[in-house]
All heavy atoms as atom14 arrays in JSON, in Angstrom:
{
  "sequence": "DLPIIEGDKKVYRKADLRAYVVTSATETKVW",
  "atom14_mask": [
    [1, 1, 1, 1, 1, 1, 1, 1, 0, 0, 0, 0, 0, 0],
    [1, 1, 1, 1, 1, 1, 1, 1, 0, 0, 0, 0, 0, 0],
    [1, 1, 1, 1, 1, 1, 1, 0, 0, 0, 0, 0, 0, 0],
    [1, 1, 1, 1, 1, 1, 1, 1, 0, 0, 0, 0, 0, 0],
    [1, 1, 1, 1, 1, 1, 1, 1, 0, 0, 0, 0, 0, 0],
    [1, 1, 1, 1, 1, 1, 1, 1, 1, 0, 0, 0, 0, 0],
    [1, 1, 1, 1, 0, 0, 0, 0, 0, 0, 0, 0, 0, 0],
    [1, 1, 1, 1, 1, 1, 1, 1, 0, 0, 0, 0, 0, 0],
    [1, 1, 1, 1, 1, 1, 1, 1, 1, 0, 0, 0, 0, 0],
    [1, 1, 1, 1, 1, 1, 1, 1, 1, 0, 0, 0, 0, 0],
    [1, 1, 1, 1, 1, 1, 1, 0, 0, 0, 0, 0, 0, 0],
    [1, 1, 1, 1, 1, 1, 1, 1, 1, 1, 1, 1, 0, 0],
    [1, 1, 1, 1, 1, 1, 1, 1, 1, 1, 1, 0, 0, 0],
    [1, 1, 1, 1, 1, 1, 1, 1, 1, 0, 0, 0, 0, 0],
    [1, 1, 1, 1, 1, 0, 0, 0, 0, 0, 0, 0, 0, 0],
    [1, 1, 1, 1, 1, 1, 1, 1, 0, 0, 0, 0, 0, 0],
    [1, 1, 1, 1, 1, 1, 1, 1, 0, 0, 0, 0, 0, 0],
    [1, 1, 1, 1, 1, 1, 1, 1, 1, 1, 1, 0, 0, 0],
    [1, 1, 1, 1, 1, 0, 0, 0, 0, 0, 0, 0, 0, 0],
    [1, 1, 1, 1, 1, 1, 1, 1, 1, 1, 1, 1, 0, 0],
    [1, 1, 1, 1, 1, 1, 1, 0, 0, 0, 0, 0, 0, 0],
    [1, 1, 1, 1, 1, 1, 1, 0, 0, 0, 0, 0, 0, 0],
    [1, 1, 1, 1, 1, 1, 1, 0, 0, 0, 0, 0, 0, 0],
    [1, 1, 1, 1, 1, 1, 0, 0, 0, 0, 0, 0, 0, 0],
    [1, 1, 1, 1, 1, 0, 0, 0, 0, 0, 0, 0, 0, 0],
    [1, 1, 1, 1, 1, 1, 1, 0, 0, 0, 0, 0, 0, 0],
    [1, 1, 1, 1, 1, 1, 1, 1, 1, 0, 0, 0, 0, 0],
    [1, 1, 1, 1, 1, 1, 1, 0, 0, 0, 0, 0, 0, 0],
    [1, 1, 1, 1, 1, 1, 1, 1, 1, 0, 0, 0, 0, 0],
    [1, 1, 1, 1, 1, 1, 1, 0, 0, 0, 0, 0, 0, 0],
    [1, 1, 1, 1, 1, 1, 1, 1, 1, 1, 1, 1, 1, 1]
  ],
  "atom14_positions": [
    [[9.75, 22.44, -16.42], [9.02, 22.32, -15.17], [7.63, 22.89, -15.39], [7.45, 23.87, -16.13], [9.71, 23.11, -14.06], [11.16, 22.72, -13.88], [11.99, 23.12, -14.71], [11.45, 22.04, -12.9], [0.0, 0.0, 0.0], [0.0, 0.0, 0.0], [0.0, 0.0, 0.0], [0.0, 0.0, 0.0], [0.0, 0.0, 0.0], [0.0, 0.0, 0.0]],
    [[6.66, 22.31, -14.74], [5.3, 22.83, -14.78], [4.88, 23.27, -13.38], [5.34, 22.7, -12.38], [4.32, 21.77, -15.3], [4.48, 21.35, -16.76], [3.45, 20.28, -17.11], [4.35, 22.53, -17.7], [0.0, 0.0, 0.0], [0.0, 0.0, 0.0], [0.0, 0.0, 0.0], [0.0, 0.0, 0.0], [0.0, 0.0, 0.0], [0.0, 0.0, 0.0]],
    [[3.99, 24.26, -13.29], [3.54, 24.69, -11.97], [2.62, 23.68, -11.32], [1.78, 23.07, -11.99], [2.79, 26.0, -12.28], [2.33, 25.84, -13.7], [3.39, 25.04, -14.38], [0.0, 0.0, 0.0], [0.0, 0.0, 0.0], [0.0, 0.0, 0.0], [0.0, 0.0, 0.0], [0.0, 0.0, 0.0], [0.0, 0.0, 0.0], [0.0, 0.0, 0.0]],
    [[2.81, 23.47, -10.03], [1.88, 22.66, -9.24], [1.58, 23.42, -7.95], [2.32, 24.33, -7.56], [2.46, 21.27, -8.91], [3.64, 21.38, -7.93], [2.87, 20.52, -10.17], [4.05, 20.05, -7.31], [0.0, 0.0, 0.0], [0.0, 0.0, 0.0], [0.0, 0.0, 0.0], [0.0, 0.0, 0.0], [0.0, 0.0, 0.0], [0.0, 0.0, 0.0]],
    [[0.5, 23.05, -7.32], [0.13, 23.65, -6.03], [0.65, 22.75, -4.92], [0.35, 21.55, -4.86], [-1.4, 23.81, -5.91], [-1.93, 24.69, -7.04], [-1.75, 24.39, -4.54], [-1.36, 26.09, -7.06], [0.0, 0.0, 0.0], [0.0, 0.0, 0.0], [0.0, 0.0, 0.0], [0.0, 0.0, 0.0], [0.0, 0.0, 0.0], [0.0, 0.0, 0.0]],
    [[1.47, 23.33, -4.05], [2.01, 22.59, -2.91], [1.68, 23.39, -1.65], [2.25, 24.45, -1.42], [3.52, 22.42, -3.07], [4.13, 21.43, -2.1], [5.59, 21.16, -2.4], [6.44, 21.96, -1.94], [5.88, 20.18, -3.11], [0.0, 0.0, 0.0], [0.0, 0.0, 0.0], [0.0, 0.0, 0.0], [0.0, 0.0, 0.0], [0.0, 0.0, 0.0]],
    [[0.74, 22.85, -0.9], [0.24, 23.63, 0.24], [-0.51, 24.84, -0.27], [-1.46, 24.72, -1.05], [0.0, 0.0, 0.0], [0.0, 0.0, 0.0], [0.0, 0.0, 0.0], [0.0, 0.0, 0.0], [0.0, 0.0, 0.0], [0.0, 0.0, 0.0], [0.0, 0.0, 0.0], [0.0, 0.0, 0.0], [0.0, 0.0, 0.0], [0.0, 0.0, 0.0]],
    [[-0.08, 26.04, 0.13], [-0.73, 27.27, -0.34], [0.16, 28.02, -1.33], [-0.05, 29.2, -1.6], [-1.1, 28.18, 0.83], [0.12, 28.55, 1.69], [1.22, 28.03, 1.4], [-0.04, 29.35, 2.63], [0.0, 0.0, 0.0], [0.0, 0.0, 0.0], [0.0, 0.0, 0.0], [0.0, 0.0, 0.0], [0.0, 0.0, 0.0], [0.0, 0.0, 0.0]],
    [[1.18, 27.32, -1.88], [2.11, 27.97, -2.79], [2.11, 27.29, -4.15], [1.76, 26.12, -4.29], [3.54, 27.92, -2.22], [3.74, 28.67, -0.91], [5.2, 28.68, -0.51], [5.72, 27.27, -0.28], [7.14, 27.27, 0.2], [0.0, 0.0, 0.0], [0.0, 0.0, 0.0], [0.0, 0.0, 0.0], [0.0, 0.0, 0.0], [0.0, 0.0, 0.0]],
    [[2.54, 28.05, -5.15], [2.77, 27.5, -6.49], [4.27, 27.25, -6.64], [5.08, 28.17, -6.46], [2.27, 28.45, -7.57], [2.43, 27.9, -8.99], [2.11, 28.96, -10.04], [0.63, 29.32, -10.05], [0.32, 30.24, -11.2], [0.0, 0.0, 0.0], [0.0, 0.0, 0.0], [0.0, 0.0, 0.0], [0.0, 0.0, 0.0], [0.0, 0.0, 0.0]],
    [[4.63, 26.0, -6.95], [6.03, 25.65, -7.15], [6.15, 24.96, -8.52], [5.15, 24.63, -9.15], [6.57, 24.72, -6.04], [6.53, 25.43, -4.69], [5.79, 23.41, -5.99], [0.0, 0.0, 0.0], [0.0, 0.0, 0.0], [0.0, 0.0, 0.0], [0.0, 0.0, 0.0], [0.0, 0.0, 0.0], [0.0, 0.0, 0.0], [0.0, 0.0, 0.0]],
    [[7.37, 24.76, -8.96], [7.6, 24.16, -10.28], [8.33, 22.84, -10.14], [9.28, 22.72, -9.37], [8.38, 25.12, -11.18], [7.54, 26.28, -11.65], [7.3, 27.37, -10.81], [6.95, 26.27, -12.91], [6.5, 28.42, -11.22], [6.15, 27.32, -13.33], [5.93, 28.39, -12.48], [5.13, 29.42, -12.9], [0.0, 0.0, 0.0], [0.0, 0.0, 0.0]],
    [[7.83, 21.84, -10.88], [8.41, 20.5, -10.84], [8.52, 19.92, -12.25], [7.74, 20.27, -13.13], [7.54, 19.56, -9.98], [7.41, 19.96, -8.52], [8.7, 19.7, -7.75], [8.55, 20.02, -6.34], [8.91, 21.17, -5.79], [9.45, 22.14, -6.54], [8.75, 21.38, -4.49], [0.0, 0.0, 0.0], [0.0, 0.0, 0.0], [0.0, 0.0, 0.0]],
    [[9.48, 19.01, -12.45], [9.63, 18.34, -13.73], [8.37, 17.53, -14.05], [7.78, 16.92, -13.16], [10.84, 17.39, -13.71], [12.18, 18.09, -13.53], [12.51, 18.96, -14.74], [13.87, 19.62, -14.58], [14.11, 20.64, -15.61], [0.0, 0.0, 0.0], [0.0, 0.0, 0.0], [0.0, 0.0, 0.0], [0.0, 0.0, 0.0], [0.0, 0.0, 0.0]],
    [[8.01, 17.52, -15.35], [6.8, 16.79, -15.75], [7.0, 16.18, -17.14], [7.65, 16.77, -18.01], [5.59, 17.72, -15.76], [0.0, 0.0, 0.0], [0.0, 0.0, 0.0], [0.0, 0.0, 0.0], [0.0, 0.0, 0.0], [0.0, 0.0, 0.0], [0.0, 0.0, 0.0], [0.0, 0.0, 0.0], [0.0, 0.0, 0.0], [0.0, 0.0, 0.0]],
    [[6.45, 14.99, -17.33], [6.46, 14.38, -18.66], [5.02, 14.25, -19.15], [4.09, 14.76, -18.52], [7.19, 13.03, -18.64], [6.37, 11.88, -18.04], [5.3, 12.14, -17.44], [6.8, 10.72, -18.17], [0.0, 0.0, 0.0], [0.0, 0.0, 0.0], [0.0, 0.0, 0.0], [0.0, 0.0, 0.0], [0.0, 0.0, 0.0], [0.0, 0.0, 0.0]],
    [[4.84, 13.59, -20.27], [3.52, 13.37, -20.84], [3.47, 11.96, -21.39], [4.33, 11.56, -22.18], [3.23, 14.35, -21.98], [1.94, 14.08, -22.79], [0.71, 14.3, -21.93], [1.9, 14.96, -24.04], [0.0, 0.0, 0.0], [0.0, 0.0, 0.0], [0.0, 0.0, 0.0], [0.0, 0.0, 0.0], [0.0, 0.0, 0.0], [0.0, 0.0, 0.0]],
    [[2.48, 11.18, -20.95], [2.2, 9.9, -21.6], [1.03, 10.12, -22.54], [-0.09, 10.41, -22.12], [1.89, 8.79, -20.6], [1.44, 7.49, -21.3], [1.47, 6.28, -20.41], [2.85, 5.9, -20.09], [3.17, 4.8, -19.38], [2.21, 4.0, -18.95], [4.43, 4.53, -19.13], [0.0, 0.0, 0.0], [0.0, 0.0, 0.0], [0.0, 0.0, 0.0]],
    [[1.31, 10.0, -23.83], [0.28, 10.12, -24.86], [-0.21, 8.72, -25.22], [0.56, 7.75, -25.19], [0.84, 10.81, -26.1], [0.0, 0.0, 0.0], [0.0, 0.0, 0.0], [0.0, 0.0, 0.0], [0.0, 0.0, 0.0], [0.0, 0.0, 0.0], [0.0, 0.0, 0.0], [0.0, 0.0, 0.0], [0.0, 0.0, 0.0], [0.0, 0.0, 0.0]],
    [[-1.49, 8.62, -25.59], [-2.09, 7.33, -25.89], [-2.5, 7.28, -27.36], [-3.19, 8.18, -27.85], [-3.3, 7.07, -24.99], [-2.9, 6.97, -23.53], [-2.81, 8.11, -22.73], [-2.54, 5.75, -22.97], [-2.4, 8.03, -21.41], [-2.13, 5.66, -21.65], [-2.07, 6.79, -20.87], [-1.65, 6.71, -19.57], [0.0, 0.0, 0.0], [0.0, 0.0, 0.0]],
    [[-2.06, 6.2, -28.01], [-2.33, 6.01, -29.43], [-3.07, 4.68, -29.56], [-2.58, 3.64, -29.11], [-1.04, 5.97, -30.25], [-1.35, 5.9, -31.74], [-0.18, 7.21, -29.94], [0.0, 0.0, 0.0], [0.0, 0.0, 0.0], [0.0, 0.0, 0.0], [0.0, 0.0, 0.0], [0.0, 0.0, 0.0], [0.0, 0.0, 0.0], [0.0, 0.0, 0.0]],
    [[-4.26, 4.71, -30.15], [-5.12, 3.52, -30.23], [-5.26, 3.12, -31.69], [-5.66, 3.93, -32.53], [-6.5, 3.79, -29.59], [-7.34, 2.51, -29.62], [-6.33, 4.29, -28.16], [0.0, 0.0, 0.0], [0.0, 0.0, 0.0], [0.0, 0.0, 0.0], [0.0, 0.0, 0.0], [0.0, 0.0, 0.0], [0.0, 0.0, 0.0], [0.0, 0.0, 0.0]],
    [[-4.95, 1.86, -31.97], [-4.96, 1.36, -33.34], [-6.04, 0.29, -33.5], [-6.12, -0.65, -32.69], [-3.59, 0.76, -33.71], [-2.59, 1.78, -33.58], [-3.58, 0.24, -35.14], [0.0, 0.0, 0.0], [0.0, 0.0, 0.0], [0.0, 0.0, 0.0], [0.0, 0.0, 0.0], [0.0, 0.0, 0.0], [0.0, 0.0, 0.0], [0.0, 0.0, 0.0]],
    [[-6.85, 0.43, -34.53], [-7.83, -0.59, -34.9], [-7.33, -1.29, -36.14], [-6.23, -1.03, -36.63], [-9.19, 0.06, -35.15], [-9.17, 0.81, -36.36], [0.0, 0.0, 0.0], [0.0, 0.0, 0.0], [0.0, 0.0, 0.0], [0.0, 0.0, 0.0], [0.0, 0.0, 0.0], [0.0, 0.0, 0.0], [0.0, 0.0, 0.0], [0.0, 0.0, 0.0]],
    [[-8.15, -2.17, -36.68], [-7.76, -2.9, -37.9], [-7.69, -1.98, -39.11], [-7.11, -2.35, -40.13], [-8.74, -4.04, -38.16], [0.0, 0.0, 0.0], [0.0, 0.0, 0.0], [0.0, 0.0, 0.0], [0.0, 0.0, 0.0], [0.0, 0.0, 0.0], [0.0, 0.0, 0.0], [0.0, 0.0, 0.0], [0.0, 0.0, 0.0], [0.0, 0.0, 0.0]],
    [[-8.25, -0.77, -38.99], [-8.31, 0.12, -40.16], [-7.58, 1.44, -39.99], [-7.24, 2.09, -40.97], [-9.78, 0.43, -40.53], [-10.44, 1.02, -39.39], [-10.51, -0.84, -40.93], [0.0, 0.0, 0.0], [0.0, 0.0, 0.0], [0.0, 0.0, 0.0], [0.0, 0.0, 0.0], [0.0, 0.0, 0.0], [0.0, 0.0, 0.0], [0.0, 0.0, 0.0]],
    [[-7.34, 1.89, -38.74], [-6.72, 3.2, -38.57], [-6.05, 3.35, -37.21], [-6.31, 2.58, -36.29], [-7.76, 4.31, -38.75], [-8.92, 4.25, -37.78], [-9.99, 5.29, -38.06], [-9.7, 6.29, -38.73], [-11.12, 5.09, -37.61], [0.0, 0.0, 0.0], [0.0, 0.0, 0.0], [0.0, 0.0, 0.0], [0.0, 0.0, 0.0], [0.0, 0.0, 0.0]],
    [[-5.17, 4.35, -37.13], [-4.48, 4.69, -35.9], [-4.92, 6.09, -35.48], [-4.86, 7.02, -36.27], [-2.96, 4.65, -36.1], [-2.57, 3.31, -36.4], [-2.21, 5.12, -34.86], [0.0, 0.0, 0.0], [0.0, 0.0, 0.0], [0.0, 0.0, 0.0], [0.0, 0.0, 0.0], [0.0, 0.0, 0.0], [0.0, 0.0, 0.0], [0.0, 0.0, 0.0]],
    [[-5.34, 6.22, -34.21], [-5.81, 7.51, -33.71], [-5.08, 7.88, -32.42], [-4.81, 7.02, -31.58], [-7.32, 7.47, -33.44], [-8.18, 7.37, -34.69], [-9.66, 7.49, -34.35], [-10.52, 7.5, -35.6], [-11.96, 7.65, -35.28], [0.0, 0.0, 0.0], [0.0, 0.0, 0.0], [0.0, 0.0, 0.0], [0.0, 0.0, 0.0], [0.0, 0.0, 0.0]],
    [[-4.8, 9.16, -32.29], [-4.16, 9.69, -31.09], [-5.24, 10.32, -30.22], [-6.04, 11.14, -30.69], [-3.09, 10.73, -31.44], [-2.45, 11.3, -30.18], [-2.02, 10.11, -32.35], [0.0, 0.0, 0.0], [0.0, 0.0, 0.0], [0.0, 0.0, 0.0], [0.0, 0.0, 0.0], [0.0, 0.0, 0.0], [0.0, 0.0, 0.0], [0.0, 0.0, 0.0]],
    [[-5.29, 9.91, -28.96], [-6.27, 10.47, -28.03], [-5.93, 11.92, -27.73], [-4.78, 12.24, -27.43], [-6.26, 9.65, -26.75], [-7.3, 10.02, -25.73], [-8.57, 10.43, -25.97], [-7.15, 9.98, -24.31], [-9.22, 10.66, -24.78], [-8.37, 10.38, -23.75], [-6.1, 9.62, -23.46], [-8.58, 10.45, -22.38], [-6.3, 9.69, -22.1], [-7.53, 10.1, -21.56]]
  ]
}
């Protein structure tokens, strides 16, 4: 869980991560 602000309080909620990987004709790079 990561902290988020809800109203005037800090609460914890489940969170994921979308990572972006960009590939050209010569290489693959992670943003």
